[in-house]
Amino acid sequence: MKYLVVLLIALVVLWRIRSKAQAPEAPPIQERAEAGPKAVEMHACTHCGLHMPFSDMVTGTRGRYCSAGHRAMAEH
């Protein structure tokens, strides 16, 4: 019985060594952070308060809006 336990422990150790040798290394944390998406500047619509990317907003005389319809409603 004790030989069976020793054999089982040896097999588990060999299995762990092989699984670590085959696993690819993860890149350092700093490299993973740089590879991700960049932060986008968000602003609220002057009419409804919806937050959306600054580059997608419509500019009006009283502020920035989420759509041309909200710009028309707010400025008339």
Protein backbone atom coordinates (compact mmCIF):
# COMPACT_ATOMS: atom_id res chain seq x y z
CA MET A 1 0.00 0.00 0.00
CA LYS A 2 2.79 2.43 0.85
CA TYR A 3 4.40 1.81 -2.57
CA LEU A 4 1.14 2.82 -4.22
CA VAL A 5 1.13 6.13 -2.30
CA VAL A 6 4.78 6.81 -3.23
CA LEU A 7 4.03 6.04 -6.88
CA LEU A 8 1.00 8.32 -6.83
CA ILE A 9 3.03 11.19 -5.32
CA ALA A 10 5.79 10.69 -7.92
CA LEU A 11 3.24 10.79 -10.76
CA VAL A 12 1.69 13.99 -9.43
CA VAL A 13 5.12 15.65 -9.15
CA LEU A 14 6.03 14.63 -12.72
CA TRP A 15 2.68 15.85 -14.01
CA ARG A 16 3.15 19.27 -12.34
CA ILE A 17 6.69 19.62 -13.73
CA ARG A 18 5.54 18.82 -17.28
CA SER A 19 2.50 21.12 -17.13
CA LYS A 20 4.65 24.08 -16.01
CA ALA A 21 7.22 23.39 -18.75
CA GLN A 22 4.53 23.41 -21.46
CA ALA A 23 2.66 26.51 -20.24
CA PRO A 24 3.67 29.73 -22.05
CA GLU A 25 4.99 32.53 -19.88
CA ALA A 26 2.68 35.47 -19.30
CA PRO A 27 4.08 38.86 -20.35
CA PRO A 28 4.98 41.26 -17.54
CA ILE A 29 2.12 43.33 -16.15
CA GLN A 30 3.40 46.56 -17.68
CA GLU A 31 3.47 45.07 -21.20
CA ARG A 32 -0.07 43.70 -20.81
CA ALA A 33 -1.35 47.12 -19.72
CA GLU A 34 0.17 48.85 -22.75
CA ALA A 35 -1.36 46.33 -25.14
CA GLY A 36 -4.92 47.04 -23.98
CA PRO A 37 -7.33 49.67 -25.27
CA LYS A 38 -6.54 53.32 -24.65
CA ALA A 39 -8.65 55.51 -22.37
CA VAL A 40 -11.25 57.67 -24.10
CA GLU A 41 -12.28 61.12 -22.88
CA MET A 42 -16.00 61.03 -21.96
CA HIS A 43 -18.38 64.00 -21.63
CA ALA A 44 -22.03 64.41 -20.69
CA CYS A 45 -24.67 65.61 -23.16
CA THR A 46 -25.83 69.13 -22.22
CA HIS A 47 -29.48 68.15 -22.84
CA CYS A 48 -29.91 64.64 -21.37
CA GLY A 49 -26.70 64.00 -19.42
CA LEU A 50 -25.71 60.86 -21.36
CA HIS A 51 -21.97 60.21 -21.16
CA MET A 52 -20.29 59.34 -24.44
CA PRO A 53 -16.89 59.71 -26.16
CA PHE A 54 -15.93 63.32 -26.78
CA SER A 55 -15.10 62.59 -30.44
CA ASP A 56 -18.65 61.29 -31.14
CA MET A 57 -20.47 64.32 -29.72
CA VAL A 58 -22.16 67.08 -31.71
CA THR A 59 -21.04 70.64 -30.98
CA GLY A 60 -23.62 73.36 -30.47
CA THR A 61 -23.55 77.01 -29.38
CA ARG A 62 -24.49 76.04 -25.78
CA GLY A 63 -22.36 72.93 -25.38
CA ARG A 64 -21.88 69.40 -26.64
CA TYR A 65 -24.76 67.01 -27.34
CA CYS A 66 -25.17 63.27 -27.95
CA SER A 67 -27.13 63.82 -31.19
CA ALA A 68 -28.21 66.53 -33.62
CA GLY A 69 -31.78 66.12 -32.34
CA HIS A 70 -30.82 67.05 -28.79
CA ARG A 71 -28.80 69.98 -30.10
CA ALA A 72 -31.85 71.23 -32.01
CA MET A 73 -34.17 70.80 -29.00
CA ALA A 74 -31.81 72.55 -26.59
CA GLU A 75 -30.94 75.49 -28.81
CA HIS A 76 -34.43 76.43 -29.96
